[in-house]
Protein backbone atom coordinates (compact mmCIF):
# COMPACT_ATOMS: atom_id res chain seq x y z
CA UNK A 1 -17.73 -4.00 7.49
CA UNK A 2 -14.02 -4.31 8.16
CA UNK A 3 -11.80 -1.31 8.71
CA UNK A 4 -9.22 -0.48 6.08
CA UNK A 5 -5.98 1.35 6.78
CA UNK A 6 -5.90 4.34 4.44
CA UNK A 7 -4.32 7.77 4.37
CA UNK A 8 -6.55 10.48 5.77
CA UNK A 9 -8.11 12.86 3.28
CA UNK A 10 -9.07 15.41 5.94
CA UNK A 11 -6.45 15.21 8.72
CA UNK A 12 -3.13 15.46 6.96
CA UNK A 13 0.00 17.51 7.28
CA UNK A 14 2.20 15.84 4.66
CA UNK A 15 0.73 12.71 3.11
CA UNK A 16 -2.02 11.82 5.60
CA UNK A 17 -0.23 8.82 7.10
CA UNK A 18 -0.51 9.88 10.76
CA UNK A 19 -4.10 11.00 10.29
CA UNK A 20 -4.94 7.65 8.72
CA UNK A 21 -3.26 5.74 11.53
CA UNK A 22 -5.16 7.85 14.05
CA UNK A 23 -8.48 7.12 12.36
CA UNK A 24 -7.73 3.41 12.13
CA UNK A 25 -6.68 3.00 15.76
CA UNK A 26 -9.15 5.63 17.02
CA UNK A 27 -6.49 7.74 18.74
CA UNK A 28 -5.21 11.29 18.29
CA UNK A 29 -2.89 11.51 15.23
CA UNK A 30 -0.57 13.71 17.29
CA UNK A 31 0.62 10.56 19.05
CA UNK A 32 1.80 9.08 15.74
CA UNK A 33 3.36 12.38 14.66
CA UNK A 34 5.32 12.53 17.92
CA UNK A 35 6.38 8.90 17.47
CA UNK A 36 7.75 9.62 13.99
CA UNK A 37 9.64 12.66 15.31
CA UNK A 38 11.19 10.53 18.07
CA UNK A 39 12.17 7.89 15.51
CA UNK A 40 13.81 10.53 13.33
CA UNK A 41 15.77 12.02 16.24
CA UNK A 42 16.80 8.77 17.94
CA UNK A 43 17.25 6.24 15.20
CA UNK A 44 16.86 8.14 11.94
CA UNK A 45 14.35 5.58 10.72
CA UNK A 46 11.24 7.75 11.05
CA UNK A 47 11.56 9.24 7.57
CA UNK A 48 12.01 5.85 5.97
CA UNK A 49 9.08 4.37 7.93
CA UNK A 50 6.86 7.32 6.99
CA UNK A 51 7.73 7.03 3.30
CA UNK A 52 7.10 3.27 3.27
CA UNK A 53 3.73 3.74 4.98
CA UNK A 54 2.83 6.54 2.57
CA UNK A 55 3.48 4.21 -0.36
CA UNK A 56 1.72 1.17 1.14
CA UNK A 57 -1.39 2.85 2.53
CA UNK A 58 -4.25 3.35 0.12
CA UNK A 59 -5.97 6.65 -0.52
CA UNK A 60 -9.15 7.52 1.36
CA UNK A 61 -12.24 7.92 -0.77
């Protein structure tokens, strides 16, 4: 069975994007949350990237 990138239904703070990425790559979602914060502070693209991922990632069942 292949893995599917979906938003997390259990580990979410806003939309479940970081939790879903953490489940997919089998790492702590805190790493992705920190990465998005760094992107927001440094380049301002973190919000846009998060919103795009939230729209593209499917919902967990």
